[in-house]
Amino acid sequence: MRHNKKFNHLSRKKAHRDAMLANMTISLIMHKRIFTTLAKAKALRMYAEPLINRAKEDSMANRRLVFSYLQNKYAVTELFREISQKIADRPGGYTRILKTGNRLGDNAKTCFIELV
């Protein structure tokens, strides 16, 4: 039974999916906006928003927890130093998805995902 398992598997195994979402989160933190497909952007939003929410309180435990997901110290420092100050008074909704149409090769729906 698959009760309460409503996330998109993105046609990947768990390890591949976790690695891809971690890499996309690092890119999103470093570049503030990335271009991807709509399905990946929605999955990335569910992965990245709790990590960004952790950055509001700068404690060693939160830094270690975020680092355990991302495995990139530059992205963790950027998240806790610059991004956390910009979102300090925001109660949620740290990312925005802007649809950009369909991709030419396979007609996949594409979009920008950016930090608000």
PDB file of N, CA and C in Angstrom:
ATOM      1  N   MET A   1       0.831  -1.180   0.000  1.00  0.00           N
ATOM      2  CA  MET A   1       0.000   0.000   0.000  1.00  0.00           C
ATOM      3  C   MET A   1       0.875   1.241   0.000  1.00  0.00           C
ATOM      4  N   ARG A   2       0.381   2.292  -0.660  1.00  0.00           N
ATOM      5  CA  ARG A   2       1.159   3.527  -0.715  1.00  0.00           C
ATOM      6  C   ARG A   2       0.392   4.673  -0.067  1.00  0.00           C
ATOM      7  N   HIS A   3      -0.084   4.440   1.130  1.00  0.00           N
ATOM      8  CA  HIS A   3      -0.799   5.485   1.837  1.00  0.00           C
ATOM      9  C   HIS A   3       0.159   6.628   2.186  1.00  0.00           C
ATOM     10  N   ASN A   4      -0.309   7.835   1.974  1.00  0.00           N
ATOM     11  CA  ASN A   4       0.418   9.058   2.358  1.00  0.00           C
ATOM     12  C   ASN A   4       1.794   9.157   1.692  1.00  0.00           C
ATOM     13  N   LYS A   5       1.897   8.740   0.446  1.00  0.00           N
ATOM     14  CA  LYS A   5       3.143   8.859  -0.308  1.00  0.00           C
ATOM     15  C   LYS A   5       2.841   9.621  -1.587  1.00  0.00           C
ATOM     16  N   LYS A   6       2.617  10.911  -1.449  1.00  0.00           N
ATOM     17  CA  LYS A   6       2.124  11.706  -2.566  1.00  0.00           C
ATOM     18  C   LYS A   6       3.196  12.608  -3.167  1.00  0.00           C
ATOM     19  N   PHE A   7       4.467  12.229  -3.146  1.00  0.00           N
ATOM     20  CA  PHE A   7       5.468  13.063  -3.787  1.00  0.00           C
ATOM     21  C   PHE A   7       5.829  12.478  -5.149  1.00  0.00           C
ATOM     22  N   ASN A   8       6.349  13.320  -6.013  1.00  0.00           N
ATOM     23  CA  ASN A   8       6.693  12.924  -7.375  1.00  0.00           C
ATOM     24  C   ASN A   8       8.045  12.211  -7.363  1.00  0.00           C
ATOM     25  N   HIS A   9       8.092  11.010  -7.915  1.00  0.00           N
ATOM     26  CA  HIS A   9       9.325  10.233  -7.934  1.00  0.00           C
ATOM     27  C   HIS A   9      10.263  10.653  -9.063  1.00  0.00           C
ATOM     28  N   LEU A  10       9.769  11.414 -10.044  1.00  0.00           N
ATOM     29  CA  LEU A  10      10.577  11.974 -11.126  1.00  0.00           C
ATOM     30  C   LEU A  10      11.322  10.911 -11.930  1.00  0.00           C
ATOM     31  N   SER A  11      10.795   9.702 -12.000  1.00  0.00           N
ATOM     32  CA  SER A  11      11.385   8.590 -12.764  1.00  0.00           C
ATOM     33  C   SER A  11      12.812   8.286 -12.338  1.00  0.00           C
ATOM     34  N   ARG A  12      13.079   8.379 -11.032  1.00  0.00           N
ATOM     35  CA  ARG A  12      14.415   8.126 -10.501  1.00  0.00           C
ATOM     36  C   ARG A  12      14.314   7.309  -9.225  1.00  0.00           C
ATOM     37  N   LYS A  13      15.402   6.611  -8.915  1.00  0.00           N
ATOM     38  CA  LYS A  13      15.492   5.921  -7.629  1.00  0.00           C
ATOM     39  C   LYS A  13      15.708   6.952  -6.525  1.00  0.00           C
ATOM     40  N   LYS A  14      15.561   6.537  -5.278  1.00  0.00           N
ATOM     41  CA  LYS A  14      15.643   7.472  -4.157  1.00  0.00           C
ATOM     42  C   LYS A  14      16.993   8.177  -4.064  1.00  0.00           C
ATOM     43  N   ALA A  15      18.084   7.449  -4.227  1.00  0.00           N
ATOM     44  CA  ALA A  15      19.407   8.057  -4.102  1.00  0.00           C
ATOM     45  C   ALA A  15      19.638   9.086  -5.201  1.00  0.00           C
ATOM     46  N   HIS A  16      19.238   8.742  -6.422  1.00  0.00           N
ATOM     47  CA  HIS A  16      19.399   9.666  -7.548  1.00  0.00           C
ATOM     48  C   HIS A  16      18.534  10.905  -7.352  1.00  0.00           C
ATOM     49  N   ARG A  17      17.312  10.711  -6.891  1.00  0.00           N
ATOM     50  CA  ARG A  17      16.380  11.828  -6.666  1.00  0.00           C
ATOM     51  C   ARG A  17      16.902  12.752  -5.569  1.00  0.00           C
ATOM     52  N   ASP A  18      17.402  12.172  -4.482  1.00  0.00           N
ATOM     53  CA  ASP A  18      17.937  12.983  -3.386  1.00  0.00           C
ATOM     54  C   ASP A  18      19.165  13.781  -3.822  1.00  0.00           C
ATOM     55  N   ALA A  19      20.038  13.152  -4.587  1.00  0.00           N
ATOM     56  CA  ALA A  19      21.236  13.844  -5.067  1.00  0.00           C
ATOM     57  C   ALA A  19      20.857  14.974  -6.023  1.00  0.00           C
ATOM     58  N   MET A  20      19.901  14.714  -6.913  1.00  0.00           N
ATOM     59  CA  MET A  20      19.476  15.732  -7.869  1.00  0.00           C
ATOM     60  C   MET A  20      18.841  16.922  -7.151  1.00  0.00           C
ATOM     61  N   LEU A  21      17.972  16.662  -6.172  1.00  0.00           N
ATOM     62  CA  LEU A  21      17.318  17.749  -5.457  1.00  0.00           C
ATOM     63  C   LEU A  21      18.308  18.533  -4.600  1.00  0.00           C
ATOM     64  N   ALA A  22      19.298  17.853  -4.030  1.00  0.00           N
ATOM     65  CA  ALA A  22      20.325  18.560  -3.263  1.00  0.00           C
ATOM     66  C   ALA A  22      21.148  19.463  -4.173  1.00  0.00           C
ATOM     67  N   ASN A  23      21.538  18.961  -5.352  1.00  0.00           N
ATOM     68  CA  ASN A  23      22.298  19.772  -6.307  1.00  0.00           C
ATOM     69  C   ASN A  23      21.482  20.957  -6.802  1.00  0.00           C
ATOM     70  N   MET A  24      20.193  20.741  -7.053  1.00  0.00           N
ATOM     71  CA  MET A  24      19.342  21.839  -7.508  1.00  0.00           C
ATOM     72  C   MET A  24      19.147  22.876  -6.398  1.00  0.00           C
ATOM     73  N   THR A  25      19.065  22.432  -5.152  1.00  0.00           N
ATOM     74  CA  THR A  25      18.929  23.366  -4.036  1.00  0.00           C
ATOM     75  C   THR A  25      20.192  24.200  -3.882  1.00  0.00           C
ATOM     76  N   ILE A  26      21.353  23.573  -4.043  1.00  0.00           N
ATOM     77  CA  ILE A  26      22.618  24.318  -3.980  1.00  0.00           C
ATOM     78  C   ILE A  26      22.663  25.366  -5.086  1.00  0.00           C
ATOM     79  N   SER A  27      22.256  24.989  -6.299  1.00  0.00           N
ATOM     80  CA  SER A  27      22.239  25.942  -7.410  1.00  0.00           C
ATOM     81  C   SER A  27      21.267  27.082  -7.146  1.00  0.00           C
ATOM     82  N   LEU A  28      20.125  26.756  -6.580  1.00  0.00           N
ATOM     83  CA  LEU A  28      19.130  27.780  -6.271  1.00  0.00           C
ATOM     84  C   LEU A  28      19.668  28.758  -5.222  1.00  0.00           C
ATOM     85  N   ILE A  29      20.343  28.256  -4.216  1.00  0.00           N
ATOM     86  CA  ILE A  29      20.893  29.123  -3.169  1.00  0.00           C
ATOM     87  C   ILE A  29      22.011  29.995  -3.729  1.00  0.00           C
ATOM     88  N   MET A  30      22.874  29.431  -4.555  1.00  0.00           N
ATOM     89  CA  MET A  30      24.022  30.179  -5.061  1.00  0.00           C
ATOM     90  C   MET A  30      23.639  31.180  -6.154  1.00  0.00           C
ATOM     91  N   HIS A  31      22.698  30.800  -7.034  1.00  0.00           N
ATOM     92  CA  HIS A  31      22.374  31.647  -8.185  1.00  0.00           C
ATOM     93  C   HIS A  31      21.067  32.412  -8.030  1.00  0.00           C
ATOM     94  N   LYS A  32      20.273  32.098  -7.012  1.00  0.00           N
ATOM     95  CA  LYS A  32      18.998  32.752  -6.685  1.00  0.00           C
ATOM     96  C   LYS A  32      17.874  32.450  -7.677  1.00  0.00           C
ATOM     97  N   ARG A  33      18.177  31.921  -8.848  1.00  0.00           N
ATOM     98  CA  ARG A  33      17.152  31.569  -9.841  1.00  0.00           C
ATOM     99  C   ARG A  33      17.717  30.501 -10.765  1.00  0.00           C
ATOM    100  N   ILE A  34      16.927  29.428 -10.999  1.00  0.00           N
ATOM    101  CA  ILE A  34      17.364  28.393 -11.938  1.00  0.00           C
ATOM    102  C   ILE A  34      16.222  28.068 -12.894  1.00  0.00           C
ATOM    103  N   PHE A  35      16.570  27.545 -14.041  1.00  0.00           N
ATOM    104  CA  PHE A  35      15.646  27.201 -15.107  1.00  0.00           C
ATOM    105  C   PHE A  35      15.533  25.685 -15.163  1.00  0.00           C
ATOM    106  N   THR A  36      14.308  25.148 -15.038  1.00  0.00           N
ATOM    107  CA  THR A  36      14.127  23.699 -14.983  1.00  0.00           C
ATOM    108  C   THR A  36      12.709  23.356 -15.443  1.00  0.00           C
ATOM    109  N   THR A  37      12.364  22.074 -15.370  1.00  0.00           N
ATOM    110  CA  THR A  37      11.003  21.664 -15.727  1.00  0.00           C
ATOM    111  C   THR A  37      10.063  21.920 -14.553  1.00  0.00           C
ATOM    112  N   LEU A  38       8.788  21.977 -14.840  1.00  0.00           N
ATOM    113  CA  LEU A  38       7.793  22.294 -13.819  1.00  0.00           C
ATOM    114  C   LEU A  38       7.722  21.214 -12.742  1.00  0.00           C
ATOM    115  N   ALA A  39       7.807  19.944 -13.139  1.00  0.00           N
ATOM    116  CA  ALA A  39       7.731  18.857 -12.167  1.00  0.00           C
ATOM    117  C   ALA A  39       8.923  18.893 -11.208  1.00  0.00           C
ATOM    118  N   LYS A  40      10.123  19.146 -11.737  1.00  0.00           N
ATOM    119  CA  LYS A  40      11.302  19.238 -10.884  1.00  0.00           C
ATOM    120  C   LYS A  40      11.225  20.452  -9.972  1.00  0.00           C
ATOM    121  N   ALA A  41      10.689  21.548 -10.474  1.00  0.00           N
ATOM    122  CA  ALA A  41      10.573  22.762  -9.658  1.00  0.00           C
ATOM    123  C   ALA A  41       9.622  22.554  -8.492  1.00  0.00           C
ATOM    124  N   LYS A  42       8.518  21.854  -8.723  1.00  0.00           N
ATOM    125  CA  LYS A  42       7.567  21.596  -7.641  1.00  0.00           C
ATOM    126  C   LYS A  42       8.171  20.652  -6.599  1.00  0.00           C
ATOM    127  N   ALA A  43       8.948  19.659  -7.064  1.00  0.00           N
ATOM    128  CA  ALA A  43       9.619  18.762  -6.129  1.00  0.00           C
ATOM    129  C   ALA A  43      10.706  19.508  -5.363  1.00  0.00           C
ATOM    130  N   LEU A  44      11.395  20.422  -6.051  1.00  0.00           N
ATOM    131  CA  LEU A  44      12.451  21.209  -5.420  1.00  0.00           C
ATOM    132  C   LEU A  44      11.880  22.137  -4.355  1.00  0.00           C
ATOM    133  N   ARG A  45      10.710  22.678  -4.596  1.00  0.00           N
ATOM    134  CA  ARG A  45      10.079  23.556  -3.615  1.00  0.00           C
ATOM    135  C   ARG A  45       9.818  22.808  -2.305  1.00  0.00           C
ATOM    136  N   MET A  46       9.323  21.572  -2.425  1.00  0.00           N
ATOM    137  CA  MET A  46       9.043  20.782  -1.219  1.00  0.00           C
ATOM    138  C   MET A  46      10.335  20.390  -0.500  1.00  0.00           C
ATOM    139  N   TYR A  47      11.437  20.281  -1.222  1.00  0.00           N
ATOM    140  CA  TYR A  47      12.724  19.896  -0.634  1.00  0.00           C
ATOM    141  C   TYR A  47      13.428  21.104  -0.008  1.00  0.00           C
ATOM    142  N   ALA A  48      13.387  22.255  -0.694  1.00  0.00           N
ATOM    143  CA  ALA A  48      14.204  23.401  -0.298  1.00  0.00           C
ATOM    144  C   ALA A  48      13.564  24.261   0.783  1.00  0.00           C
ATOM    145  N   GLU A  49      12.243  24.398   0.772  1.00  0.00           N
ATOM    146  CA  GLU A  49      11.598  25.327   1.707  1.00  0.00           C
ATOM    147  C   GLU A  49      11.836  24.971   3.174  1.00  0.00           C
ATOM    148  N   PRO A  50      11.762  23.698   3.599  1.00  0.00           N
ATOM    149  CA  PRO A  50      12.083  23.406   5.007  1.00  0.00           C
ATOM    150  C   PRO A  50      13.536  23.724   5.368  1.00  0.00           C
ATOM    151  N   LEU A  51      14.463  23.556   4.408  1.00  0.00           N
ATOM    152  CA  LEU A  51      15.856  23.883   4.682  1.00  0.00           C
ATOM    153  C   LEU A  51      16.045  25.391   4.826  1.00  0.00           C
ATOM    154  N   ILE A  52      15.358  26.163   3.984  1.00  0.00           N
ATOM    155  CA  ILE A  52      15.434  27.624   4.082  1.00  0.00           C
ATOM    156  C   ILE A  52      14.804  28.084   5.392  1.00  0.00           C
ATOM    157  N   ASN A  53      13.744  27.416   5.804  1.00  0.00           N
ATOM    158  CA  ASN A  53      13.086  27.770   7.062  1.00  0.00           C
ATOM    159  C   ASN A  53      14.012  27.524   8.249  1.00  0.00           C
ATOM    160  N   ARG A  54      14.845  26.495   8.173  1.00  0.00           N
ATOM    161  CA  ARG A  54      15.815  26.212   9.232  1.00  0.00           C
ATOM    162  C   ARG A  54      16.825  27.342   9.387  1.00  0.00           C
ATOM    163  N   ALA A  55      17.099  28.057   8.294  1.00  0.00           N
ATOM    164  CA  ALA A  55      18.143  29.085   8.309  1.00  0.00           C
ATOM    165  C   ALA A  55      17.726  30.328   9.089  1.00  0.00           C
ATOM    166  N   LYS A  56      16.461  30.434   9.450  1.00  0.00           N
ATOM    167  CA  LYS A  56      16.021  31.602  10.214  1.00  0.00           C
ATOM    168  C   LYS A  56      16.710  31.674  11.574  1.00  0.00           C
ATOM    169  N   GLU A  57      16.897  30.520  12.203  1.00  0.00           N
ATOM    170  CA  GLU A  57      17.571  30.474  13.501  1.00  0.00           C
ATOM    171  C   GLU A  57      18.971  29.905  13.280  1.00  0.00           C
ATOM    172  N   ASP A  58      19.972  30.750  13.450  1.00  0.00           N
ATOM    173  CA  ASP A  58      21.357  30.342  13.187  1.00  0.00           C
ATOM    174  C   ASP A  58      21.930  29.638  14.415  1.00  0.00           C
ATOM    175  N   SER A  59      21.776  28.325  14.473  1.00  0.00           N
ATOM    176  CA  SER A  59      22.368  27.540  15.548  1.00  0.00           C
ATOM    177  C   SER A  59      23.227  26.445  14.922  1.00  0.00           C
ATOM    178  N   MET A  60      24.100  25.891  15.701  1.00  0.00           N
ATOM    179  CA  MET A  60      24.989  24.842  15.200  1.00  0.00           C
ATOM    180  C   MET A  60      24.186  23.616  14.777  1.00  0.00           C
ATOM    181  N   ALA A  61      23.133  23.309  15.508  1.00  0.00           N
ATOM    182  CA  ALA A  61      22.304  22.149  15.165  1.00  0.00           C
ATOM    183  C   ALA A  61      21.625  22.348  13.809  1.00  0.00           C
ATOM    184  N   ASN A  62      21.108  23.556  13.559  1.00  0.00           N
ATOM    185  CA  ASN A  62      20.465  23.824  12.272  1.00  0.00           C
ATOM    186  C   ASN A  62      21.471  23.809  11.129  1.00  0.00           C
ATOM    187  N   ARG A  63      22.655  24.362  11.363  1.00  0.00           N
ATOM    188  CA  ARG A  63      23.685  24.332  10.322  1.00  0.00           C
ATOM    189  C   ARG A  63      24.081  22.893   9.979  1.00  0.00           C
ATOM    190  N   ARG A  64      24.222  22.069  10.996  1.00  0.00           N
ATOM    191  CA  ARG A  64      24.616  20.681  10.745  1.00  0.00           C
ATOM    192  C   ARG A  64      23.515  19.917  10.036  1.00  0.00           C
ATOM    193  N   LEU A  65      22.265  20.185  10.387  1.00  0.00           N
ATOM    194  CA  LEU A  65      21.158  19.495   9.737  1.00  0.00           C
ATOM    195  C   LEU A  65      21.068  19.883   8.261  1.00  0.00           C
ATOM    196  N   VAL A  66      21.198  21.185   7.962  1.00  0.00           N
ATOM    197  CA  VAL A  66      21.157  21.640   6.571  1.00  0.00           C
ATOM    198  C   VAL A  66      22.356  21.091   5.806  1.00  0.00           C
ATOM    199  N   PHE A  67      23.535  21.060   6.438  1.00  0.00           N
ATOM    200  CA  PHE A  67      24.724  20.523   5.770  1.00  0.00           C
ATOM    201  C   PHE A  67      24.572  19.034   5.479  1.00  0.00           C
ATOM    202  N   SER A  68      23.855  18.310   6.343  1.00  0.00           N
ATOM    203  CA  SER A  68      23.667  16.883   6.099  1.00  0.00           C
ATOM    204  C   SER A  68      22.840  16.642   4.839  1.00  0.00           C
ATOM    205  N   TYR A  69      21.965  17.596   4.490  1.00  0.00           N
ATOM    206  CA  TYR A  69      21.205  17.474   3.258  1.00  0.00           C
ATOM    207  C   TYR A  69      21.992  17.961   2.042  1.00  0.00           C
ATOM    208  N   LEU A  70      22.695  19.076   2.179  1.00  0.00           N
ATOM    209  CA  LEU A  70      23.297  19.716   1.010  1.00  0.00           C
ATOM    210  C   LEU A  70      24.738  19.295   0.736  1.00  0.00           C
ATOM    211  N   GLN A  71      25.533  19.028   1.786  1.00  0.00           N
ATOM    212  CA  GLN A  71      26.936  18.628   1.635  1.00  0.00           C
ATOM    213  C   GLN A  71      27.758  19.666   0.865  1.00  0.00           C
ATOM    214  N   ASN A  72      27.463  20.955   1.087  1.00  0.00           N
ATOM    215  CA  ASN A  72      28.213  22.021   0.430  1.00  0.00           C
ATOM    216  C   ASN A  72      28.328  23.180   1.406  1.00  0.00           C
ATOM    217  N   LYS A  73      29.535  23.421   1.926  1.00  0.00           N
ATOM    218  CA  LYS A  73      29.672  24.423   2.981  1.00  0.00           C
ATOM    219  C   LYS A  73      29.481  25.840   2.469  1.00  0.00           C
ATOM    220  N   TYR A  74      29.771  26.087   1.178  1.00  0.00           N
ATOM    221  CA  TYR A  74      29.579  27.429   0.630  1.00  0.00           C
ATOM    222  C   TYR A  74      28.096  27.771   0.527  1.00  0.00           C
ATOM    223  N   ALA A  75      27.295  26.794   0.122  1.00  0.00           N
ATOM    224  CA  ALA A  75      25.851  27.020   0.029  1.00  0.00           C
ATOM    225  C   ALA A  75      25.238  27.208   1.417  1.00  0.00           C
ATOM    226  N   VAL A  76      25.718  26.444   2.400  1.00  0.00           N
ATOM    227  CA  VAL A  76      25.200  26.575   3.765  1.00  0.00           C
ATOM    228  C   VAL A  76      25.554  27.945   4.327  1.00  0.00           C
ATOM    229  N   THR A  77      26.793  28.418   4.074  1.00  0.00           N
ATOM    230  CA  THR A  77      27.186  29.738   4.562  1.00  0.00           C
ATOM    231  C   THR A  77      26.370  30.833   3.900  1.00  0.00           C
ATOM    232  N   GLU A  78      26.162  30.709   2.594  1.00  0.00           N
ATOM    233  CA  GLU A  78      25.340  31.689   1.863  1.00  0.00           C
ATOM    234  C   GLU A  78      23.919  31.705   2.419  1.00  0.00           C
ATOM    235  N   LEU A  79      23.378  30.530   2.673  1.00  0.00           N
ATOM    236  CA  LEU A  79      22.008  30.418   3.178  1.00  0.00           C
ATOM    237  C   LEU A  79      21.870  31.059   4.554  1.00  0.00           C
ATOM    238  N   PHE A  80      22.786  30.775   5.441  1.00  0.00           N
ATOM    239  CA  PHE A  80      22.673  31.292   6.806  1.00  0.00           C
ATOM    240  C   PHE A  80      23.136  32.735   6.932  1.00  0.00           C
ATOM    241  N   ARG A  81      23.955  33.236   5.990  1.00  0.00           N
ATOM    242  CA  ARG A  81      24.463  34.592   6.106  1.00  0.00           C
ATOM    243  C   ARG A  81      23.567  35.601   5.392  1.00  0.00           C
ATOM    244  N   GLU A  82      23.346  35.434   4.076  1.00  0.00           N
ATOM    245  CA  GLU A  82      22.608  36.440   3.319  1.00  0.00           C
ATOM    246  C   GLU A  82      21.108  36.146   3.226  1.00  0.00           C
ATOM    247  N   ILE A  83      20.761  34.924   2.862  1.00  0.00           N
ATOM    248  CA  ILE A  83      19.351  34.617   2.583  1.00  0.00           C
ATOM    249  C   ILE A  83      18.518  34.660   3.857  1.00  0.00           C
ATOM    250  N   SER A  84      19.089  34.225   4.973  1.00  0.00           N
ATOM    251  CA  SER A  84      18.308  34.194   6.217  1.00  0.00           C
ATOM    252  C   SER A  84      17.904  35.587   6.672  1.00  0.00           C
ATOM    253  N   GLN A  85      18.726  36.604   6.394  1.00  0.00           N
ATOM    254  CA  GLN A  85      18.366  37.965   6.776  1.00  0.00           C
ATOM    255  C   GLN A  85      17.248  38.522   5.914  1.00  0.00           C
ATOM    256  N   LYS A  86      17.200  38.112   4.655  1.00  0.00           N
ATOM    257  CA  LYS A  86      16.159  38.616   3.759  1.00  0.00           C
ATOM    258  C   LYS A  86      14.796  37.991   4.042  1.00  0.00           C
ATOM    259  N   ILE A  87      14.782  36.777   4.584  1.00  0.00           N
ATOM    260  CA  ILE A  87      13.518  36.080   4.819  1.00  0.00           C
ATOM    261  C   ILE A  87      13.158  36.022   6.293  1.00  0.00           C
ATOM    262  N   ALA A  88      13.818  36.826   7.113  1.00  0.00           N
ATOM    263  CA  ALA A  88      13.654  36.712   8.559  1.00  0.00           C
ATOM    264  C   ALA A  88      12.209  36.955   9.013  1.00  0.00           C
ATOM    265  N   ASP A  89      11.513  37.907   8.385  1.00  0.00           N
ATOM    266  CA  ASP A  89      10.158  38.232   8.830  1.00  0.00           C
ATOM    267  C   ASP A  89       9.087  37.562   7.975  1.00  0.00           C
ATOM    268  N   ARG A  90       9.483  36.724   7.061  1.00  0.00           N
ATOM    269  CA  ARG A  90       8.535  36.074   6.145  1.00  0.00           C
ATOM    270  C   ARG A  90       8.071  34.744   6.749  1.00  0.00           C
ATOM    271  N   PRO A  91       6.749  34.485   6.813  1.00  0.00           N
ATOM    272  CA  PRO A  91       6.266  33.271   7.474  1.00  0.00           C
ATOM    273  C   PRO A  91       6.359  32.001   6.626  1.00  0.00           C
ATOM    274  N   GLY A  92       6.668  32.105   5.361  1.00  0.00           N
ATOM    275  CA  GLY A  92       6.775  30.932   4.493  1.00  0.00           C
ATOM    276  C   GLY A  92       6.729  31.374   3.047  1.00  0.00           C
ATOM    277  N   GLY A  93       6.741  30.425   2.122  1.00  0.00           N
ATOM    278  CA  GLY A  93       6.681  30.763   0.703  1.00  0.00           C
ATOM    279  C   GLY A  93       7.934  31.472   0.239  1.00  0.00           C
ATOM    280  N   TYR A  94       9.072  30.804   0.359  1.00  0.00           N
ATOM    281  CA  TYR A  94      10.351  31.439   0.050  1.00  0.00           C
ATOM    282  C   TYR A  94      10.734  31.319  -1.418  1.00  0.00           C
ATOM    283  N   THR A  95      10.004  30.518  -2.189  1.00  0.00           N
ATOM    284  CA  THR A  95      10.322  30.342  -3.604  1.00  0.00           C
ATOM    285  C   THR A  95       9.130  30.733  -4.460  1.00  0.00           C
ATOM    286  N   ARG A  96       9.426  31.111  -5.692  1.00  0.00           N
ATOM    287  CA  ARG A  96       8.397  31.488  -6.659  1.00  0.00           C
ATOM    288  C   ARG A  96       8.660  30.709  -7.938  1.00  0.00           C
ATOM    289  N   ILE A  97       7.604  30.154  -8.533  1.00  0.00           N
ATOM    290  CA  ILE A  97       7.718  29.415  -9.789  1.00  0.00           C
ATOM    291  C   ILE A  97       7.035  30.235 -10.882  1.00  0.00           C
ATOM    292  N   LEU A  98       7.783  30.564 -11.938  1.00  0.00           N
ATOM    293  CA  LEU A  98       7.262  31.313 -13.079  1.00  0.00           C
ATOM    294  C   LEU A  98       7.321  30.418 -14.313  1.00  0.00           C
ATOM    295  N   LYS A  99       6.177  30.077 -14.876  1.00  0.00           N
ATOM    296  CA  LYS A  99       6.137  29.185 -16.027  1.00  0.00           C
ATOM    297  C   LYS A  99       6.617  29.922 -17.267  1.00  0.00           C
ATOM    298  N   THR A 100       7.386  29.209 -18.115  1.00  0.00           N
ATOM    299  CA  THR A 100       7.963  29.847 -19.300  1.00  0.00           C
ATOM    300  C   THR A 100       7.568  29.165 -20.601  1.00  0.00           C
ATOM    301  N   GLY A 101       6.627  28.245 -20.580  1.00  0.00           N
ATOM    302  CA  GLY A 101       6.211  27.590 -21.816  1.00  0.00           C
ATOM    303  C   GLY A 101       6.737  26.172 -21.902  1.00  0.00           C
ATOM    304  N   ASN A 102       6.767  25.630 -23.108  1.00  0.00           N
ATOM    305  CA  ASN A 102       7.177  24.241 -23.317  1.00  0.00           C
ATOM    306  C   ASN A 102       8.545  24.178 -23.985  1.00  0.00           C
ATOM    307  N   ARG A 103       9.302  23.138 -23.661  1.00  0.00           N
ATOM    308  CA  ARG A 103      10.624  22.926 -24.239  1.00  0.00           C
ATOM    309  C   ARG A 103      10.482  22.425 -25.666  1.00  0.00           C
ATOM    310  N   LEU A 104      11.422  22.796 -26.509  1.00  0.00           N
ATOM    311  CA  LEU A 104      11.318  22.487 -27.933  1.00  0.00           C
ATOM    312  C   LEU A 104      11.467  20.996 -28.225  1.00  0.00           C
ATOM    313  N   GLY A 105      12.399  20.318 -27.562  1.00  0.00           N
ATOM    314  CA  GLY A 105      12.700  18.932 -27.906  1.00  0.00           C
ATOM    315  C   GLY A 105      11.617  17.946 -27.516  1.00  0.00           C
ATOM    316  N   ASP A 106      11.170  17.989 -26.252  1.00  0.00           N
ATOM    317  CA  ASP A 106      10.231  16.978 -25.780  1.00  0.00           C
ATOM    318  C   ASP A 106       8.910  17.572 -25.285  1.00  0.00           C
ATOM    319  N   ASN A 107       8.719  18.876 -25.499  1.00  0.00           N
ATOM    320  CA  ASN A 107       7.470  19.562 -25.148  1.00  0.00           C
ATOM    321  C   ASN A 107       7.187  19.524 -23.639  1.00  0.00           C
ATOM    322  N   ALA A 108       8.248  19.432 -22.834  1.00  0.00           N
ATOM    323  CA  ALA A 108       8.079  19.455 -21.383  1.00  0.00           C
ATOM    324  C   ALA A 108       7.797  20.879 -20.921  1.00  0.00           C
ATOM    325  N   LYS A 109       6.946  21.017 -19.910  1.00  0.00           N
ATOM    326  CA  LYS A 109       6.642  22.339 -19.360  1.00  0.00           C
ATOM    327  C   LYS A 109       7.856  22.835 -18.580  1.00  0.00           C
ATOM    328  N   THR A 110       8.318  24.044 -18.894  1.00  0.00           N
ATOM    329  CA  THR A 110       9.503  24.591 -18.256  1.00  0.00           C
ATOM    330  C   THR A 110       9.138  25.816 -17.425  1.00  0.00           C
ATOM    331  N   CYS A 111      10.053  26.161 -16.523  1.00  0.00           N
ATOM    332  CA  CYS A 111       9.785  27.303 -15.640  1.00  0.00           C
ATOM    333  C   CYS A 111      11.084  27.791 -15.019  1.00  0.00           C
ATOM    334  N   PHE A 112      11.000  28.985 -14.417  1.00  0.00           N
ATOM    335  CA  PHE A 112      12.030  29.500 -13.531  1.00  0.00           C
ATOM    336  C   PHE A 112      11.567  29.236 -12.111  1.00  0.00           C
ATOM    337  N   ILE A 113      12.478  28.840 -11.249  1.00  0.00           N
ATOM    338  CA  ILE A 113      12.192  28.842  -9.815  1.00  0.00           C
ATOM    339  C   ILE A 113      13.207  29.772  -9.188  1.00  0.00           C
ATOM    340  N   GLU A 114      12.726  30.705  -8.364  1.00  0.00           N
ATOM    341  CA  GLU A 114      13.612  31.701  -7.792  1.00  0.00           C
ATOM    342  C   GLU A 114      13.265  31.935  -6.337  1.00  0.00           C
ATOM    343  N   LEU A 115      14.235  32.482  -5.615  1.00  0.00           N
ATOM    344  CA  LEU A 115      14.022  32.861  -4.224  1.00  0.00           C
ATOM    345  C   LEU A 115      13.299  34.203  -4.188  1.00  0.00           C
ATOM    346  N   VAL A 116      12.309  34.313  -3.317  1.00  0.00           N
ATOM    347  CA  VAL A 116      11.529  35.553  -3.242  1.00  0.00           C
ATOM    348  C   VAL A 116      12.291  36.575  -2.445  1.00  0.00           C
TER     349      VAL A 116
END
